[in-house]
Amino acid sequence: MSVRLVSTRGGPAVDLPAAILAGLAPDGGLYVPEAWPRLDPADLDAGSGFTAVASAVLELFTSDLLPSPQLERLVGDAFARFDHPEVAPLVELGPDLYLMELFWGPTLAFKDFALQVLGRLVDVALGARGGNAMILGATSGDTGSAAMEAFRDRERVDVVILFPEGRTTEVQRRQMTTIDAPNVHAVAVEGTFDDCQDLVKAVFADPGTRDDLSLSTANSINFGRLITQVAYYYWAAARLGGPVSFAVPSGNFGNVYSGYAATRMGLPVRRLIVGSNAYNVLDGFFRNGRMDLGTVIPTLSPSMDIQVPSNLERLLFDLFRKDGERLVEAMIHLREEGSLTVMGGTDDLFVSRWYDDEDTMAAMREVYRSSGRIVDPHSAVGI
C-alpha cells in the first residue's frame, strides 16, 4: 500500500498521483506523508548504483501508481541523461570532507535529479487518470530551466515559469528563454523571487482557475520533487559508511528538508547543517526559533535569495504536532507582521550558519587554493 499524503493545513489524505498532479493542496497547504515509510540502509545492497537506491526510495511512495519493473525503467531512463556513471559522485576535498556533485544532469542543476523523475511520474499519472495539466512555477535561478527541460515536448503538459527579471544569472536566463519546445514558456516578472512565488500561490488559491487549467507545480512545494532527493542522502551515506553530516546551501528549504525526510525514514544522520547567504531567516530560525523578514538585496548566490522558505512549512507542521490551524495562524502572522517565533526548536539535528558575499568569495578562493577545484557561490555557502 502506497503512502497517503495530508495537507499541512488540515486537508484530507490523498494518494501520490493526486498530490503530484495538484502540487499544492486545495487549502493552500503542502503535502506530507500521514506516516513516513521506513527504509533501513542495511536493506540496500552494498554495491547498489544510484538508480537502484533511487528506485528503492521511490517504490515506497509509488507502488500504487506503477509496478517495480516499470519504476526501475522510469528511473533508469531519467538518470541515463546524466553525464557521469555514478550520477552523484563524491569528491574528497579534505579529511572527512566530501563534495557531492549534483550538476551532471541536462541543465547542470541539482534540481535535474527530482525533475527528470517528476516529469515522467506526471506522465504516468496523467496517462492513468486522463486529461492534461499545466505546470505553473516560480524560480529564483535554476528550477525554471530544469523544469522546462524535464517537461519539454510532453503532449499532456504545458509549462509556465515565472522568474524575477534581472535577478537570475545570465546563463540561467538564457537556459529558460532558449528551449525550443512549443509547450514551455518563461515569463519575466518585475520584482523578486518571493513576488513570483506569491503570484503562483495566489493562482493556486483560486479554485476556479486552478481547476479550469488543471494546474500543478514543479517547484519544491510539489512533494514529488522531494522524494527523489531523499535518494542521494541514502546514496552518500552508503558510500561513506555510517552516520554522516550534510551541509546544504539552502534557499527554499526543499533540499535540506529531503535530508530531514531521510532521517524520518530511518537514515542515521549526525547533523543537517543549513547554510544561508545574507537572506539569513533560516539561520535565525534554527539558532533562536525566530524568523524576521528583512530587506531584499541581490547576492552572489541568487538561487538562495529567498525570504520566505516555502518548505519550512513542512517542518513547522511536525514542530506544531500536525496542528494545521496553528500553522495557518503562524504563516499569516509571518506574512502580516514580518516575523515568527517558534518555541521548542528542532533538537540537535539542525544547525545553521550564514555567510555574506565576502565570506562566499573567500570560501571559493580557499577551496581552489587547497584542492584546485572551482565551486560556485551556492556550493561555497555550504562548504
Protein backbone atom coordinates (compact mmCIF):
# COMPACT_ATOMS: atom_id res chain seq x y z
CA MET A 1 0.00 0.00 0.00
CA SER A 2 1.44 3.37 -1.02
CA VAL A 3 1.89 6.24 1.39
CA ARG A 4 -1.05 8.61 1.86
CA LEU A 5 -0.37 12.34 2.00
CA VAL A 6 -2.09 15.05 4.03
CA SER A 7 -2.05 18.84 3.83
CA THR A 8 -0.05 20.82 6.37
CA ARG A 9 -3.17 22.94 6.83
CA GLY A 10 -5.50 20.13 7.74
CA GLY A 11 -6.89 18.86 4.43
CA PRO A 12 -7.84 15.22 3.82
CA ALA A 13 -5.42 12.49 2.77
CA VAL A 14 -4.72 11.79 -0.92
CA ASP A 15 -2.55 9.35 -2.85
CA LEU A 16 0.73 10.29 -4.55
CA PRO A 17 -0.70 10.77 -8.07
CA ALA A 18 -3.26 13.25 -6.72
CA ALA A 19 -0.56 15.08 -4.76
CA ILE A 20 1.91 15.44 -7.64
CA LEU A 21 -0.80 16.46 -10.11
CA ALA A 22 -2.17 19.06 -7.68
CA GLY A 23 1.21 20.27 -6.42
CA LEU A 24 -0.38 22.40 -3.71
CA ALA A 25 -3.25 21.18 -1.53
CA PRO A 26 -6.66 22.86 -2.12
CA ASP A 27 -6.42 24.61 1.26
CA GLY A 28 -3.06 26.13 0.32
CA GLY A 29 -1.03 23.69 2.38
CA LEU A 30 1.85 21.44 1.35
CA TYR A 31 1.57 17.67 1.18
CA VAL A 32 3.42 15.49 3.70
CA PRO A 33 3.05 11.77 4.49
CA GLU A 34 0.50 10.71 7.08
CA ALA A 35 3.26 8.40 8.27
CA TRP A 36 6.76 8.14 6.85
CA PRO A 37 7.67 4.78 5.30
CA ARG A 38 10.83 3.13 6.58
CA LEU A 39 13.91 2.16 4.61
CA ASP A 40 16.70 0.54 6.59
CA PRO A 41 20.03 1.40 4.94
CA ALA A 42 21.10 -2.18 5.67
CA ASP A 43 18.41 -3.38 3.25
CA LEU A 44 20.22 -1.73 0.33
CA ASP A 45 22.79 -3.86 -1.47
CA ALA A 46 26.31 -2.74 -0.57
CA GLY A 47 27.26 -2.20 -4.20
CA SER A 48 23.99 -0.63 -5.32
CA GLY A 49 24.27 2.03 -8.00
CA PHE A 50 22.46 5.33 -7.69
CA THR A 51 19.48 4.28 -9.80
CA ALA A 52 18.94 1.20 -7.61
CA VAL A 53 18.95 3.35 -4.47
CA ALA A 54 16.57 5.86 -6.06
CA SER A 55 14.22 3.07 -7.13
CA ALA A 56 14.21 1.62 -3.60
CA VAL A 57 13.25 5.01 -2.13
CA LEU A 58 10.63 5.83 -4.75
CA GLU A 59 8.98 2.42 -4.58
CA LEU A 60 7.86 3.17 -1.03
CA PHE A 61 5.72 6.02 -2.41
CA THR A 62 4.72 4.83 -5.89
CA SER A 63 3.65 1.18 -5.54
CA ASP A 64 0.00 2.04 -6.30
CA LEU A 65 0.99 4.08 -9.36
CA LEU A 66 3.27 1.68 -11.22
CA PRO A 67 4.86 -1.75 -10.64
CA SER A 68 8.50 -2.14 -9.63
CA PRO A 69 9.86 -3.15 -13.07
CA GLN A 70 8.22 -0.11 -14.70
CA LEU A 71 9.51 2.18 -11.93
CA GLU A 72 13.04 0.86 -12.38
CA ARG A 73 12.85 1.55 -16.13
CA LEU A 74 11.48 5.04 -15.49
CA VAL A 75 14.28 5.86 -13.03
CA GLY A 76 16.91 4.37 -15.31
CA ASP A 77 15.63 6.45 -18.22
CA ALA A 78 15.64 9.63 -16.11
CA PHE A 79 19.24 9.24 -14.99
CA ALA A 80 20.52 7.98 -18.33
CA ARG A 81 20.61 11.67 -19.32
CA PHE A 82 23.23 12.39 -16.64
CA ASP A 83 26.83 12.68 -17.83
CA HIS A 84 28.56 10.75 -15.04
CA PRO A 85 28.36 6.97 -14.49
CA GLU A 86 27.87 7.42 -10.73
CA VAL A 87 25.18 10.10 -11.27
CA ALA A 88 26.05 11.82 -7.95
CA PRO A 89 29.80 11.26 -7.46
CA LEU A 90 31.52 12.09 -4.17
CA VAL A 91 34.78 14.03 -4.38
CA GLU A 92 37.15 14.28 -1.41
CA LEU A 93 38.06 17.87 -0.53
CA GLY A 94 39.95 17.06 2.67
CA PRO A 95 39.99 14.75 5.69
CA ASP A 96 36.39 13.63 6.30
CA LEU A 97 35.12 16.32 3.92
CA TYR A 98 33.42 15.37 0.66
CA LEU A 99 31.65 17.28 -2.07
CA MET A 100 28.65 15.55 -3.66
CA GLU A 101 28.48 16.66 -7.28
CA LEU A 102 24.86 17.24 -8.25
CA PHE A 103 25.50 19.06 -11.53
CA TRP A 104 25.73 16.19 -14.02
CA GLY A 105 22.13 16.48 -15.25
CA PRO A 106 20.98 18.01 -18.55
CA THR A 107 20.73 21.59 -17.20
CA LEU A 108 23.65 21.30 -14.74
CA ALA A 109 21.31 22.00 -11.78
CA PHE A 110 20.79 19.73 -8.78
CA LYS A 111 17.07 20.07 -9.48
CA ASP A 112 17.51 17.80 -12.50
CA PHE A 113 17.55 14.89 -10.04
CA ALA A 114 13.99 15.43 -8.93
CA LEU A 115 12.52 16.97 -12.06
CA GLN A 116 13.69 14.36 -14.56
CA VAL A 117 11.84 11.79 -12.43
CA LEU A 118 8.85 14.04 -11.67
CA GLY A 119 8.26 14.76 -15.37
CA ARG A 120 7.97 11.05 -16.02
CA LEU A 121 5.79 10.39 -12.95
CA VAL A 122 3.38 13.14 -14.04
CA ASP A 123 3.18 11.49 -17.47
CA VAL A 124 2.30 8.15 -15.86
CA ALA A 125 -0.29 9.73 -13.55
CA LEU A 126 -1.96 11.65 -16.41
CA GLY A 127 -1.97 8.52 -18.55
CA ALA A 128 -3.73 6.60 -15.79
CA ARG A 129 -6.25 9.32 -14.90
CA GLY A 130 -6.66 11.06 -18.25
CA GLY A 131 -6.56 14.74 -19.11
CA ASN A 132 -3.83 17.34 -19.39
CA ALA A 133 -2.02 19.57 -16.90
CA MET A 134 -0.35 22.96 -16.75
CA ILE A 135 2.81 23.25 -14.68
CA LEU A 136 2.97 26.73 -13.14
CA GLY A 137 6.09 27.58 -11.17
CA ALA A 138 8.41 30.28 -9.92
CA THR A 139 12.19 30.21 -9.99
CA SER A 140 14.98 32.14 -8.32
CA GLY A 141 17.53 30.52 -10.60
CA ASP A 142 17.76 27.02 -11.96
CA THR A 143 14.36 25.45 -11.21
CA GLY A 144 12.93 27.05 -14.33
CA SER A 145 15.30 25.57 -16.88
CA ALA A 146 15.34 22.20 -15.10
CA ALA A 147 11.52 22.05 -15.12
CA MET A 148 11.25 23.18 -18.72
CA GLU A 149 13.83 20.61 -19.80
CA ALA A 150 12.08 17.84 -17.85
CA PHE A 151 8.64 18.55 -19.37
CA ARG A 152 9.62 19.74 -22.85
CA ASP A 153 7.69 18.18 -25.74
CA ARG A 154 5.35 16.23 -23.43
CA GLU A 155 1.95 16.17 -25.12
CA ARG A 156 -0.16 16.23 -21.95
CA VAL A 157 1.71 19.05 -20.15
CA ASP A 158 2.25 22.79 -20.68
CA VAL A 159 4.80 24.65 -18.55
CA VAL A 160 4.79 28.33 -17.49
CA ILE A 161 7.68 29.54 -15.33
CA LEU A 162 7.88 32.99 -13.67
CA PHE A 163 11.32 34.41 -12.91
CA PRO A 164 12.43 37.77 -11.41
CA GLU A 165 13.81 39.94 -14.20
CA GLY A 166 17.47 40.81 -13.65
CA ARG A 167 17.79 38.57 -10.59
CA THR A 168 18.92 35.32 -12.19
CA THR A 169 22.29 34.67 -13.76
CA GLU A 170 22.63 35.29 -17.48
CA VAL A 171 23.22 31.57 -18.05
CA GLN A 172 20.00 30.71 -16.21
CA ARG A 173 18.03 33.33 -18.15
CA ARG A 174 19.31 32.01 -21.45
CA GLN A 175 18.59 28.42 -20.49
CA MET A 176 14.97 29.33 -19.79
CA THR A 177 14.40 31.54 -22.80
CA THR A 178 16.07 29.42 -25.49
CA ILE A 179 14.44 25.99 -25.05
CA ASP A 180 12.85 25.24 -28.41
CA ALA A 181 9.66 23.41 -27.45
CA PRO A 182 6.05 24.52 -28.05
CA ASN A 183 4.78 23.57 -24.59
CA VAL A 184 7.21 25.54 -22.38
CA HIS A 185 7.08 29.28 -21.61
CA ALA A 186 9.28 31.57 -19.46
CA VAL A 187 7.83 34.86 -18.14
CA ALA A 188 9.98 37.66 -16.65
CA VAL A 189 8.41 39.45 -13.66
CA GLU A 190 9.43 42.82 -12.25
CA GLY A 191 10.21 42.05 -8.62
CA THR A 192 11.84 39.34 -6.51
CA PHE A 193 11.52 35.58 -6.35
CA ASP A 194 9.14 35.97 -3.42
CA ASP A 195 6.90 38.12 -5.66
CA CYS A 196 6.94 35.36 -8.29
CA GLN A 197 6.19 32.72 -5.69
CA ASP A 198 3.33 34.79 -4.25
CA LEU A 199 1.78 35.10 -7.74
CA VAL A 200 1.95 31.33 -8.18
CA LYS A 201 0.41 30.71 -4.77
CA ALA A 202 -2.36 33.25 -5.47
CA VAL A 203 -3.32 31.47 -8.70
CA PHE A 204 -3.34 28.12 -6.91
CA ALA A 205 -5.53 29.60 -4.17
CA ASP A 206 -8.29 30.35 -6.74
CA PRO A 207 -10.19 27.05 -7.05
CA GLY A 208 -11.89 28.02 -10.31
CA THR A 209 -8.70 28.97 -12.15
CA ARG A 210 -6.87 26.03 -10.68
CA ASP A 211 -9.46 23.53 -11.84
CA ASP A 212 -10.02 25.14 -15.26
CA LEU A 213 -6.32 24.97 -16.09
CA SER A 214 -5.60 21.67 -14.27
CA LEU A 215 -2.73 23.41 -12.53
CA SER A 216 0.24 21.70 -10.95
CA THR A 217 3.70 22.93 -9.99
CA ALA A 218 7.28 21.80 -10.44
CA ASN A 219 8.58 23.87 -7.53
CA SER A 220 9.79 22.07 -4.43
CA ILE A 221 6.37 22.65 -2.87
CA ASN A 222 5.42 19.61 -5.02
CA PHE A 223 6.06 16.58 -2.84
CA GLY A 224 7.16 14.62 -5.90
CA ARG A 225 10.27 16.82 -6.02
CA LEU A 226 11.38 15.86 -2.55
CA ILE A 227 11.22 12.08 -2.63
CA THR A 228 13.85 11.68 -5.36
CA GLN A 229 16.20 13.98 -3.46
CA VAL A 230 15.93 11.67 -0.44
CA ALA A 231 17.78 9.10 -2.55
CA TYR A 232 21.07 10.95 -2.70
CA TYR A 233 21.23 11.25 1.09
CA TYR A 234 20.91 7.46 1.33
CA TRP A 235 23.40 7.09 -1.53
CA ALA A 236 26.05 9.32 0.08
CA ALA A 237 25.69 7.68 3.49
CA ALA A 238 26.07 4.22 1.92
CA ARG A 239 29.20 5.25 0.04
CA LEU A 240 30.85 6.90 3.05
CA GLY A 241 29.71 4.39 5.65
CA GLY A 242 27.99 5.13 8.94
CA PRO A 243 26.16 8.28 10.03
CA VAL A 244 27.41 11.45 8.33
CA SER A 245 26.62 15.15 8.50
CA PHE A 246 25.31 17.04 5.47
CA ALA A 247 26.00 20.74 4.90
CA VAL A 248 23.36 22.04 2.49
CA PRO A 249 23.19 25.52 0.91
CA SER A 250 19.57 26.47 1.47
CA GLY A 251 17.06 28.85 -0.07
CA ASN A 252 13.54 27.44 -0.23
CA PHE A 253 14.44 24.67 2.28
CA GLY A 254 13.48 21.84 -0.10
CA ASN A 255 16.86 20.13 -0.43
CA VAL A 256 17.71 20.05 3.26
CA TYR A 257 14.11 19.07 4.04
CA SER A 258 14.73 15.98 1.89
CA GLY A 259 17.62 15.21 4.23
CA TYR A 260 15.23 15.57 7.15
CA ALA A 261 12.80 13.25 5.36
CA ALA A 262 15.59 10.68 5.04
CA THR A 263 16.06 10.75 8.81
CA ARG A 264 12.32 10.23 9.29
CA MET A 265 12.60 7.18 7.01
CA GLY A 266 15.39 5.65 9.08
CA LEU A 267 18.69 7.06 7.74
CA PRO A 268 21.13 7.79 10.60
CA VAL A 269 22.38 11.38 10.19
CA ARG A 270 24.57 13.25 12.67
CA ARG A 271 23.71 16.81 11.65
CA LEU A 272 21.92 18.71 8.91
CA ILE A 273 23.86 21.96 8.54
CA VAL A 274 21.73 24.68 6.96
CA GLY A 275 23.86 27.18 5.04
CA SER A 276 22.32 30.57 4.24
CA ASN A 277 23.52 33.65 2.40
CA ALA A 278 22.65 37.19 3.55
CA TYR A 279 18.98 36.10 3.49
CA ASN A 280 19.55 34.59 6.92
CA VAL A 281 15.97 33.96 8.03
CA LEU A 282 16.68 30.23 8.32
CA ASP A 283 19.75 30.88 10.44
CA GLY A 284 17.67 32.96 12.83
CA PHE A 285 15.03 30.26 12.99
CA PHE A 286 17.44 27.44 13.82
CA ARG A 287 19.55 29.49 16.21
CA ASN A 288 16.83 31.08 18.32
CA GLY A 289 13.45 29.99 16.97
CA ARG A 290 12.72 33.35 15.36
CA MET A 291 12.28 34.44 11.73
CA ASP A 292 12.49 38.11 10.77
CA LEU A 293 11.91 39.14 7.17
CA GLY A 294 14.48 41.72 6.07
CA THR A 295 15.27 43.87 3.06
CA VAL A 296 15.54 42.25 -0.36
CA ILE A 297 19.13 42.65 -1.62
CA PRO A 298 20.60 40.60 -4.52
CA THR A 299 23.57 38.36 -3.62
CA LEU A 300 26.17 36.28 -5.46
CA SER A 301 24.01 33.20 -4.80
CA PRO A 302 20.67 34.29 -6.35
CA SER A 303 19.02 30.86 -6.16
CA MET A 304 19.09 31.33 -2.38
CA ASP A 305 17.74 34.90 -2.33
CA ILE A 306 14.51 33.85 -0.63
CA GLN A 307 12.92 35.49 2.39
CA VAL A 308 10.05 33.05 2.97
CA PRO A 309 11.28 29.44 2.54
CA SER A 310 8.14 27.58 1.48
CA ASN A 311 9.26 24.12 2.58
CA LEU A 312 9.83 25.27 6.14
CA GLU A 313 6.05 24.88 6.48
CA ARG A 314 6.53 21.11 6.27
CA LEU A 315 8.94 21.14 9.20
CA LEU A 316 6.69 23.51 11.17
CA PHE A 317 3.86 21.01 10.70
CA ASP A 318 5.91 18.49 12.67
CA LEU A 319 7.00 21.04 15.26
CA PHE A 320 3.35 22.05 15.75
CA ARG A 321 2.43 18.37 16.24
CA LYS A 322 0.42 18.35 13.00
CA ASP A 323 -1.87 21.16 14.15
CA GLY A 324 -2.97 22.68 10.83
CA GLU A 325 -4.93 25.55 12.38
CA ARG A 326 -1.95 26.68 14.44
CA LEU A 327 0.22 26.51 11.34
CA VAL A 328 -2.17 28.70 9.33
CA GLU A 329 -2.13 31.30 12.12
CA ALA A 330 1.68 31.24 12.20
CA MET A 331 2.01 31.73 8.43
CA ILE A 332 -0.50 34.61 8.46
CA HIS A 333 1.46 36.25 11.28
CA LEU A 334 4.72 35.86 9.34
CA ARG A 335 3.22 37.49 6.24
CA GLU A 336 1.45 40.32 8.06
CA GLU A 337 3.94 41.11 10.83
CA GLY A 338 7.18 40.05 9.14
CA SER A 339 8.23 37.81 11.99
CA LEU A 340 7.54 34.42 13.55
CA THR A 341 8.68 32.88 16.82
CA VAL A 342 8.53 29.13 17.40
CA MET A 343 9.29 27.81 20.85
CA GLY A 344 10.64 24.31 21.30
CA GLY A 345 13.15 24.18 18.45
CA THR A 346 14.32 21.26 16.36
CA ASP A 347 16.59 19.42 18.87
CA ASP A 348 20.18 18.78 17.79
CA LEU A 349 19.60 17.56 14.23
CA PHE A 350 19.72 21.00 12.61
CA VAL A 351 22.50 23.54 12.98
CA SER A 352 22.91 26.65 10.85
CA ARG A 353 25.34 29.28 9.63
CA TRP A 354 25.02 32.26 7.31
CA TYR A 355 27.61 33.98 5.11
CA ASP A 356 27.68 37.22 3.16
CA ASP A 357 29.17 37.69 -0.32
CA GLU A 358 32.64 38.43 1.05
CA ASP A 359 32.60 35.18 3.04
CA THR A 360 31.38 33.34 -0.04
CA MET A 361 34.22 34.62 -2.22
CA ALA A 362 36.74 33.77 0.49
CA ALA A 363 35.42 30.19 0.61
CA MET A 364 35.65 29.89 -3.18
CA ARG A 365 39.27 31.07 -3.10
CA GLU A 366 40.16 28.70 -0.26
CA VAL A 367 38.66 25.67 -1.98
CA TYR A 368 40.58 26.50 -5.14
CA ARG A 369 43.80 27.06 -3.20
CA SER A 370 43.55 23.81 -1.23
CA SER A 371 42.09 21.48 -3.86
CA GLY A 372 42.33 23.14 -7.27
CA ARG A 373 38.56 22.86 -7.63
CA ILE A 374 36.30 25.71 -8.71
CA VAL A 375 32.99 25.87 -6.84
CA ASP A 376 30.02 28.14 -7.48
CA PRO A 377 28.81 30.67 -4.88
CA HIS A 378 25.91 28.47 -3.74
CA SER A 379 28.19 25.50 -3.08
CA ALA A 380 30.66 27.80 -1.33
CA VAL A 381 27.98 28.74 1.21
CA GLY A 382 27.54 25.05 2.02
CA ILE A 383 31.27 24.44 2.28
